[in-house]
Protein backbone atom coordinates (compact mmCIF):
# COMPACT_ATOMS: atom_id res chain seq x y z
CA UNK A 1 -59.98 17.02 62.99
CA UNK A 2 -62.47 18.25 60.37
CA UNK A 3 -65.16 15.76 60.58
CA UNK A 4 -66.68 15.77 57.23
CA UNK A 5 -63.42 15.34 55.26
CA UNK A 6 -61.87 12.88 57.58
CA UNK A 7 -65.08 10.72 57.96
CA UNK A 8 -64.67 7.01 56.61
CA UNK A 9 -66.75 5.88 53.54
CA UNK A 10 -68.16 2.45 53.60
CA UNK A 11 -68.64 0.92 50.19
CA UNK A 12 -71.28 -1.57 48.97
CA UNK A 13 -68.60 -4.20 48.59
CA UNK A 14 -67.56 -3.96 52.14
CA UNK A 15 -64.38 -2.16 51.77
CA UNK A 16 -64.00 1.36 53.57
CA UNK A 17 -62.43 4.36 52.31
CA UNK A 18 -60.31 6.20 55.30
CA UNK A 19 -61.64 9.55 54.49
CA UNK A 20 -63.53 11.74 51.84
CA UNK A 21 -60.54 12.89 49.85
CA UNK A 22 -59.26 11.20 46.59
CA UNK A 23 -56.50 11.70 44.11
CA UNK A 24 -57.95 11.55 40.68
CA UNK A 25 -56.04 9.81 37.97
CA UNK A 26 -53.37 11.85 36.07
CA UNK A 27 -51.29 10.39 33.29
CA UNK A 28 -47.79 10.32 34.77
CA UNK A 29 -45.58 9.20 31.58
CA UNK A 30 -43.29 7.38 33.61
CA UNK A 31 -43.18 3.79 32.43
CA UNK A 32 -40.03 2.43 30.83
CA UNK A 33 -39.84 1.68 26.81
CA UNK A 34 -41.78 -1.27 27.15
CA UNK A 35 -44.74 0.14 29.20
CA UNK A 36 -43.59 -1.44 32.72
CA UNK A 37 -43.86 0.59 35.97
CA UNK A 38 -40.80 1.82 37.45
CA UNK A 39 -39.19 3.13 40.94
CA UNK A 40 -40.34 6.46 39.69
CA UNK A 41 -43.97 5.39 40.22
CA UNK A 42 -43.23 3.91 43.62
CA UNK A 43 -41.57 7.17 44.85
CA UNK A 44 -44.48 9.14 43.53
CA UNK A 45 -47.19 7.17 45.01
CA UNK A 46 -45.43 6.80 48.22
CA UNK A 47 -45.06 10.70 48.63
CA UNK A 48 -48.88 11.03 47.85
CA UNK A 49 -49.78 8.15 50.17
CA UNK A 50 -47.88 10.09 53.11
CA UNK A 51 -49.85 13.19 52.30
CA UNK A 52 -53.08 11.73 53.71
CA UNK A 53 -54.98 11.43 50.65
CA UNK A 54 -57.46 8.29 51.46
CA UNK A 55 -57.88 7.20 47.85
CA UNK A 56 -55.02 7.34 45.31
CA UNK A 57 -56.40 6.48 41.70
CA UNK A 58 -53.39 5.81 39.27
CA UNK A 59 -53.03 7.33 35.91
CA UNK A 60 -54.64 5.53 33.08
CA UNK A 61 -53.17 2.08 32.64
CA UNK A 62 -53.56 0.56 29.25
CA UNK A 63 -54.96 -2.84 28.85
CA UNK A 64 -53.45 -3.12 25.09
CA UNK A 65 -49.82 -2.15 24.58
CA UNK A 66 -50.76 -1.53 20.93
CA UNK A 67 -52.87 1.52 21.73
CA UNK A 68 -51.80 4.25 24.34
CA UNK A 69 -53.07 7.47 25.64
CA UNK A 70 -49.45 8.57 25.26
CA UNK A 71 -45.85 7.14 25.22
CA UNK A 72 -44.89 6.64 28.82
CA UNK A 73 -48.04 4.92 29.91
CA UNK A 74 -47.84 1.63 32.10
CA UNK A 75 -49.33 -1.30 30.27
CA UNK A 76 -51.01 -4.44 32.09
CA UNK A 77 -51.60 -7.09 29.64
CA UNK A 78 -50.30 -10.32 31.43
CA UNK A 79 -48.47 -11.29 34.58
CA UNK A 80 -44.91 -11.12 33.03
CA UNK A 81 -43.95 -8.24 35.24
CA UNK A 82 -46.48 -8.46 38.24
CA UNK A 83 -43.83 -8.06 40.79
CA UNK A 84 -43.26 -4.57 39.48
CA UNK A 85 -46.71 -3.95 40.11
CA UNK A 86 -46.74 -5.47 43.54
CA UNK A 87 -43.96 -3.10 44.43
CA UNK A 88 -45.89 -0.27 43.19
CA UNK A 89 -48.99 -1.30 45.25
CA UNK A 90 -47.10 -1.73 48.39
CA UNK A 91 -45.59 1.73 48.15
CA UNK A 92 -48.77 3.42 47.13
CA UNK A 93 -50.76 2.11 50.18
CA UNK A 94 -48.00 2.52 52.63
CA UNK A 95 -50.18 4.78 54.75
CA UNK A 96 -53.18 2.65 55.26
CA UNK A 97 -54.79 4.19 52.34
CA UNK A 98 -56.31 2.87 49.17
CA UNK A 99 -54.72 2.92 45.72
CA UNK A 100 -57.10 1.74 42.80
CA UNK A 101 -55.71 1.32 39.39
CA UNK A 102 -57.52 3.22 36.40
CA UNK A 103 -57.65 0.88 33.42
CA UNK A 104 -58.27 2.51 29.93
CA UNK A 105 -58.28 2.00 26.07
CA UNK A 106 -57.81 5.36 24.33
CA UNK A 107 -59.61 4.31 21.15
CA UNK A 108 -59.29 7.10 18.45
CA UNK A 109 -57.49 9.15 21.19
CA UNK A 110 -54.19 7.27 20.42
CA UNK A 111 -51.52 9.68 19.22
CA UNK A 112 -50.26 9.15 15.68
CA UNK A 113 -46.68 8.70 17.08
CA UNK A 114 -47.80 5.85 18.98
CA UNK A 115 -50.17 4.26 16.56
CA UNK A 116 -51.41 5.72 13.24
CA UNK A 117 -54.30 3.25 12.93
CA UNK A 118 -56.22 3.30 16.18
CA UNK A 119 -59.52 1.66 17.07
CA UNK A 120 -63.02 3.22 17.36
CA UNK A 121 -66.61 2.20 17.24
CA UNK A 122 -66.72 4.30 14.13
CA UNK A 123 -64.14 5.71 11.56
CA UNK A 124 -64.90 9.42 12.90
CA UNK A 125 -61.47 11.06 13.18
CA UNK A 126 -60.17 13.01 15.86
CA UNK A 127 -58.53 16.14 13.96
CA UNK A 128 -56.57 18.17 16.52
CA UNK A 129 -53.17 19.45 15.23
CA UNK A 130 -53.10 16.50 12.89
CA UNK A 131 -51.90 14.28 16.01
CA UNK A 132 -54.53 11.42 15.36
CA UNK A 133 -54.87 8.91 12.72
CA UNK A 134 -58.23 7.89 11.14
CA UNK A 135 -59.54 5.13 13.39
CA UNK A 136 -60.46 1.57 12.07
CA UNK A 137 -64.08 0.57 12.91
CA UNK A 138 -64.14 -2.12 15.40
CA UNK A 139 -65.65 -5.37 14.35
CA UNK A 140 -67.23 -8.05 16.81
CA UNK A 141 -63.94 -9.66 17.49
CA UNK A 142 -62.24 -6.29 18.52
CA UNK A 143 -65.20 -5.59 20.93
CA UNK A 144 -64.99 -8.90 22.41
CA UNK A 145 -61.30 -8.61 22.54
CA UNK A 146 -61.53 -5.46 24.62
CA UNK A 147 -64.03 -6.59 26.97
CA UNK A 148 -61.56 -9.65 27.76
CA UNK A 149 -58.72 -7.18 28.05
CA UNK A 150 -60.47 -5.25 30.88
CA UNK A 151 -61.21 -8.34 32.57
CA UNK A 152 -57.74 -9.81 32.46
CA UNK A 153 -56.01 -6.57 33.52
CA UNK A 154 -58.58 -6.05 36.28
CA UNK A 155 -57.78 -9.43 37.53
CA UNK A 156 -54.18 -8.84 37.55
CA UNK A 157 -54.77 -5.49 39.36
CA UNK A 158 -56.26 -7.47 42.34
CA UNK A 159 -53.55 -9.83 42.17
CA UNK A 160 -50.85 -7.35 42.66
CA UNK A 161 -52.29 -5.99 45.53
CA UNK A 162 -54.06 -2.85 44.88
CA UNK A 163 -57.31 -2.32 46.60
CA UNK A 164 -59.59 -1.46 43.87
CA UNK A 165 -59.87 -0.84 40.21
CA UNK A 166 -61.50 2.05 38.14
CA UNK A 167 -63.15 1.54 34.69
CA UNK A 168 -62.26 4.87 32.67
CA UNK A 169 -65.45 5.67 30.58
CA UNK A 170 -65.01 9.31 30.45
CA UNK A 171 -62.77 12.08 28.40
CA UNK A 172 -63.54 10.62 24.76
CA UNK A 173 -61.63 7.56 25.32
CA UNK A 174 -62.75 4.06 23.81
CA UNK A 175 -65.60 3.33 26.15
CA UNK A 176 -66.82 7.08 26.04
CA UNK A 177 -66.59 6.89 22.34
CA UNK A 178 -69.00 4.06 22.52
CA UNK A 179 -71.41 6.09 24.50
CA UNK A 180 -71.48 9.12 22.16
CA UNK A 181 -73.54 9.39 19.02
CA UNK A 182 -70.87 11.61 17.48
CA UNK A 183 -68.33 8.86 17.51
CA UNK A 184 -70.69 5.75 17.49
CA UNK A 185 -72.31 5.55 14.18
CA UNK A 186 -72.94 1.76 14.39
CA UNK A 187 -76.10 -0.06 13.09
CA UNK A 188 -75.59 -3.16 15.15
CA UNK A 189 -76.17 -4.13 18.75
CA UNK A 190 -73.18 -2.00 19.98
CA UNK A 191 -74.66 1.16 18.43
CA UNK A 192 -77.93 3.22 18.07
CA UNK A 193 -79.90 3.30 21.15
CA UNK A 194 -78.42 4.24 24.42
CA UNK A 195 -78.83 0.74 25.66
CA UNK A 196 -76.91 -0.60 22.67
CA UNK A 197 -74.14 2.20 23.17
CA UNK A 198 -73.80 1.17 26.79
CA UNK A 199 -73.95 -2.45 26.16
CA UNK A 200 -69.61 -2.93 26.16
CA UNK A 201 -69.38 -0.92 29.21
CA UNK A 202 -72.15 -2.83 31.19
CA UNK A 203 -70.62 -6.14 29.77
CA UNK A 204 -67.14 -5.16 30.86
CA UNK A 205 -68.47 -4.05 34.50
CA UNK A 206 -70.44 -7.51 34.65
CA UNK A 207 -67.35 -9.50 33.59
CA UNK A 208 -65.02 -7.66 35.97
CA UNK A 209 -67.28 -8.12 38.77
CA UNK A 210 -67.35 -11.70 38.09
CA UNK A 211 -63.59 -12.03 38.08
CA UNK A 212 -62.59 -10.09 41.02
CA UNK A 213 -65.48 -10.95 43.37
CA UNK A 214 -68.26 -9.27 45.21
CA UNK A 215 -65.76 -7.88 48.08
CA UNK A 216 -63.55 -6.00 45.78
CA UNK A 217 -64.21 -2.43 44.93
CA UNK A 218 -65.13 -1.36 41.32
CA UNK A 219 -65.45 2.17 40.43
CA UNK A 220 -66.20 3.92 37.01
CA UNK A 221 -65.28 7.25 35.57
CA UNK A 222 -68.12 8.65 33.59
CA UNK A 223 -68.64 11.81 31.57
CA UNK A 224 -71.63 13.84 33.13
CA UNK A 225 -71.80 14.89 29.39
CA UNK A 226 -69.57 15.56 26.31
CA UNK A 227 -70.49 19.16 26.19
CA UNK A 228 -70.82 19.01 22.42
CA UNK A 229 -73.72 18.98 20.14
CA UNK A 230 -75.14 15.65 19.34
CA UNK A 231 -72.78 14.10 22.00
CA UNK A 232 -73.67 12.12 25.17
CA UNK A 233 -75.86 14.07 27.49
CA UNK A 234 -76.86 14.51 31.05
CA UNK A 235 -80.04 12.78 30.58
CA UNK A 236 -78.14 9.67 29.30
CA UNK A 237 -75.53 9.72 31.86
CA UNK A 238 -78.12 9.56 34.51
CA UNK A 239 -79.69 6.43 32.93
CA UNK A 240 -76.32 4.87 32.37
CA UNK A 241 -75.19 5.59 36.08
CA UNK A 242 -78.31 3.66 37.20
CA UNK A 243 -77.39 0.87 35.11
CA UNK A 244 -74.16 0.58 36.48
CA UNK A 245 -75.31 0.53 39.79
CA UNK A 246 -77.38 -2.47 38.98
CA UNK A 247 -74.20 -3.97 37.37
CA UNK A 248 -72.46 -3.68 40.66
CA UNK A 249 -70.24 -0.66 40.85
CA UNK A 250 -69.30 0.77 44.31
CA UNK A 251 -67.94 4.42 43.45
CA UNK A 252 -68.81 6.65 40.52
CA UNK A 253 -66.36 9.59 39.53
CA UNK A 254 -68.10 12.22 37.60
CA UNK A 255 -66.11 14.39 35.08
CA UNK A 256 -66.78 15.76 31.52
CA UNK A 257 -65.37 16.78 28.22
CA UNK A 258 -63.21 15.18 25.61
CA UNK A 259 -60.21 16.27 23.77
CA UNK A 260 -62.46 18.24 21.61
CA UNK A 261 -64.01 20.00 24.45
CA UNK A 262 -61.49 20.16 27.12
CA UNK A 263 -63.61 20.50 30.31
CA UNK A 264 -61.32 17.49 31.59
CA UNK A 265 -58.61 20.34 31.81
CA UNK A 266 -60.17 22.66 33.80
CA UNK A 267 -61.65 24.73 30.55
CA UNK A 268 -65.19 25.07 31.73
CA UNK A 269 -67.98 24.20 29.25
CA UNK A 270 -70.07 26.99 28.21
CA UNK A 271 -73.11 25.03 29.76
CA UNK A 272 -71.83 25.39 33.34
CA UNK A 273 -73.70 28.17 35.08
CA UNK A 274 -71.91 31.10 36.73
CA UNK A 275 -73.11 30.05 40.11
CA UNK A 276 -71.41 26.85 39.81
CA UNK A 277 -68.22 28.57 38.68
CA UNK A 278 -68.27 30.63 41.96
CA UNK A 279 -68.89 27.29 43.87
CA UNK A 280 -65.81 26.02 42.22
CA UNK A 281 -66.75 22.29 41.59
CA UNK A 282 -67.45 22.29 37.75
CA UNK A 283 -69.54 19.04 37.45
CA UNK A 284 -71.47 19.41 40.96
CA UNK A 285 -74.70 20.52 39.53
CA UNK A 286 -74.60 17.41 37.46
CA UNK A 287 -73.54 15.12 39.97
CA UNK A 288 -76.41 15.90 42.29
CA UNK A 289 -79.11 14.70 39.80
CA UNK A 290 -76.80 11.61 38.99
CA UNK A 291 -76.25 10.86 42.63
CA UNK A 292 -80.07 11.07 43.23
CA UNK A 293 -80.77 8.40 40.36
CA UNK A 294 -77.85 6.20 40.59
CA UNK A 295 -77.66 5.78 44.59
CA UNK A 296 -74.17 4.92 44.62
CA UNK A 297 -71.41 7.36 46.07
CA UNK A 298 -70.23 9.65 43.89
CA UNK A 299 -66.65 11.35 43.44
CA UNK A 300 -66.43 14.87 41.82
CA UNK A 301 -63.01 16.10 40.41
CA UNK A 302 -62.59 19.49 39.13
CA UNK A 303 -62.27 22.90 40.67
CA UNK A 304 -62.28 22.32 44.31
CA UNK A 305 -59.93 24.74 45.95
CA UNK A 306 -61.19 25.80 49.18
CA UNK A 307 -61.76 23.64 52.14
CA UNK A 308 -65.13 25.48 52.94
CA UNK A 309 -66.49 24.49 49.73
CA UNK A 310 -65.26 20.77 50.07
CA UNK A 311 -66.81 20.54 53.53
CA UNK A 312 -69.94 21.94 52.45
CA UNK A 313 -70.36 19.52 49.57
CA UNK A 314 -69.80 16.69 51.74
CA UNK A 315 -72.05 17.67 54.56
CA UNK A 316 -74.93 18.44 52.20
CA UNK A 317 -74.75 15.15 50.66
CA UNK A 318 -73.84 16.65 47.12
CA UNK A 319 -70.93 14.57 46.83
CA UNK A 320 -69.36 11.76 48.91
CA UNK A 321 -65.69 11.98 48.00
CA UNK A 322 -63.74 15.18 46.75
CA UNK A 323 -61.43 14.48 43.84
CA UNK A 324 -58.13 16.48 43.64
CA UNK A 325 -55.58 16.25 41.06
CA UNK A 326 -53.76 19.19 40.26
CA UNK A 327 -53.24 20.71 43.57
CA UNK A 328 -51.41 17.37 44.62
CA UNK A 329 -48.75 18.18 42.08
CA UNK A 330 -47.64 21.09 44.19
CA UNK A 331 -48.97 20.43 47.55
CA UNK A 332 -48.58 16.76 47.94
CA UNK A 333 -49.71 16.97 51.79
CA UNK A 334 -52.60 19.19 51.22
CA UNK A 335 -55.16 16.36 52.22
CA UNK A 336 -53.55 15.98 55.49
CA UNK A 337 -53.88 19.73 56.08
CA UNK A 338 -57.33 20.18 54.83
CA UNK A 339 -58.52 17.49 57.31
CA UNK A 340 -56.48 19.08 60.37
CA UNK A 341 -57.70 22.58 59.54
CA UNK A 342 -54.27 24.03 58.75
CA UNK A 343 -55.13 24.77 55.21
CA UNK A 344 -58.08 26.78 54.07
CA UNK A 345 -57.18 27.36 50.34
CA UNK A 346 -55.33 25.30 47.88
CA UNK A 347 -52.97 26.94 45.21
CA UNK A 348 -54.75 27.77 41.91
CA UNK A 349 -51.92 28.03 39.43
CA UNK A 350 -54.21 28.03 36.41
CA UNK A 351 -54.71 31.56 36.88
CA UNK A 352 -51.20 32.63 36.88
CA UNK A 353 -50.03 29.98 34.32
CA UNK A 354 -50.67 32.24 31.04
CA UNK A 355 -48.77 34.06 28.39
CA UNK A 356 -50.10 37.49 30.03
CA UNK A 357 -53.40 39.57 30.28
CA UNK A 358 -56.37 40.05 28.06
CA UNK A 359 -55.87 38.44 24.80
CA UNK A 360 -53.02 36.52 26.13
CA UNK A 361 -54.90 35.05 29.08
CA UNK A 362 -57.23 32.06 29.73
CA UNK A 363 -60.23 33.60 27.87
CA UNK A 364 -58.17 34.48 24.90
CA UNK A 365 -60.09 34.14 21.43
CA UNK A 366 -56.89 33.25 19.57
CA UNK A 367 -56.39 29.55 19.03
CA UNK A 368 -52.69 29.41 19.41
CA UNK A 369 -52.81 31.26 22.70
CA UNK A 370 -55.40 28.97 23.92
CA UNK A 371 -53.08 25.74 22.74
CA UNK A 372 -50.03 27.24 24.54
CA UNK A 373 -51.80 28.14 27.75
CA UNK A 374 -53.61 25.07 27.81
CA UNK A 375 -51.04 22.77 26.94
CA UNK A 376 -48.50 24.87 28.90
CA UNK A 377 -50.64 24.22 32.15
CA UNK A 378 -50.72 20.65 31.57
CA UNK A 379 -46.83 20.44 30.89
CA UNK A 380 -46.48 22.52 34.32
CA UNK A 381 -48.16 19.62 36.22
CA UNK A 382 -46.34 16.76 34.13
CA UNK A 383 -43.21 18.38 35.35
CA UNK A 384 -44.08 18.30 39.01
CA UNK A 385 -45.01 14.69 38.60
CA UNK A 386 -41.52 13.99 37.04
CA UNK A 387 -39.88 16.08 40.09
CA UNK A 388 -41.89 14.27 42.66
CA UNK A 389 -41.00 10.90 41.06
CA UNK A 390 -37.41 11.74 41.54
CA UNK A 391 -37.86 12.49 45.29
CA UNK A 392 -37.55 16.26 44.60
CA UNK A 393 -39.69 19.17 45.66
CA UNK A 394 -42.05 20.85 43.16
CA UNK A 395 -41.16 23.93 41.36
CA UNK A 396 -43.96 26.33 41.25
CA UNK A 397 -41.83 29.14 39.44
CA UNK A 398 -41.91 27.03 36.29
CA UNK A 399 -43.69 29.52 33.64
CA UNK A 400 -46.36 28.54 31.12
CA UNK A 401 -44.02 28.74 27.92
CA UNK A 402 -41.19 26.87 29.46
CA UNK A 403 -43.70 24.15 30.46
CA UNK A 404 -45.16 24.18 27.05
CA UNK A 405 -42.12 23.41 25.11
CA UNK A 406 -40.94 20.83 28.00
CA UNK A 407 -44.12 18.94 27.61
CA UNK A 408 -44.01 18.78 23.69
CA UNK A 409 -40.39 17.80 23.93
CA UNK A 410 -40.86 15.25 26.29
CA UNK A 411 -43.60 13.62 24.91
CA UNK A 412 -41.86 13.45 21.58
CA UNK A 413 -38.86 11.99 23.31
CA UNK A 414 -41.25 9.21 25.04
CA UNK A 415 -42.94 8.27 21.63
CA UNK A 416 -39.48 7.73 20.05
CA UNK A 417 -38.16 5.73 22.76
CA UNK A 418 -41.22 3.74 22.42
CA UNK A 419 -41.05 3.05 18.88
CA UNK A 420 -37.50 2.01 19.08
CA UNK A 421 -38.37 -0.55 21.93
CA UNK A 422 -41.25 -1.96 19.92
CA UNK A 423 -39.28 -2.88 16.59
């Protein structure tokens, strides 16, 4: 076995991850019309569990059914459908691995087709292809309600048998919106200073910890930075990470970007040095500083493609868990192969999934080309997830243009189905 990747990782709460490879959250879009998990989730996560990945993080599960990241999200608000979640947990942890539920609220990043009047700390609208409505600024009751919803959902996650929970504070979703001065213009105790902007996140963690107990893993996904002028910075991230460690988290996943700066989709921010790009891991230079301050195990997702780089990052102590996402859509057993040394390099379809060369490629200056390539790449991986959820093999031959239209059409279908079900 490859010692560094196969090594177990003990956590502060007393739980132990079986190895150093984790599947980061990817939105599945597989829920039924009312936001309930389906047999498709069970099949998908059983496949990933059998592939050897020690930690599986679910796609973002919504704490409030009125506000979704996209139609097709799973919603966990109460115990009504707990047997469905129990079946999912059992399938997803069928290989002595961990599966943790990622809990999230989209805030202003709730598509107009789902809800034209989303919530946010302030009324700063996200204007991308006119797909998002102007948010209503949250009042004190809204904030307290969101905190309680995170606590309720986390308690249900534990009750369902999942081995841990992750709170999503990255990628421009609601908790991330509170952190950023660009989206949090509040003048009360929930805005202004970093201490105030981080208050809701710290309160969520403290209350979730109280609800689930000291021996249950709690993780946080946090932006290293928003990569936007005036946004959440690396220096602020380092401070928030330190506070969250004090509040009792067990694992910190580092990512970056928002819908307006799509670092989360693999489009690297301009601030990332060329040396980092050559090293594959998009956020590793930030994670090193965060890890030194926070003194908590760190997971990085984004860019890892070679076993050599993964091993080196673990052995040098730069990162504690290697986060994989897109590769697991086309190589479901890549973790086992990486650990036993039979796989050196993961597939990297992003370089192939473009309209063409030059101005038609990933570095195009044309907005329409950027949109088709970007959303086409997202759609390619979404479609692999759908195939896996049906027990089918991946289809790497799917091109970027076909993926783009499949993705747009499927999301519209899911949104219309959701609207009909909610009437």
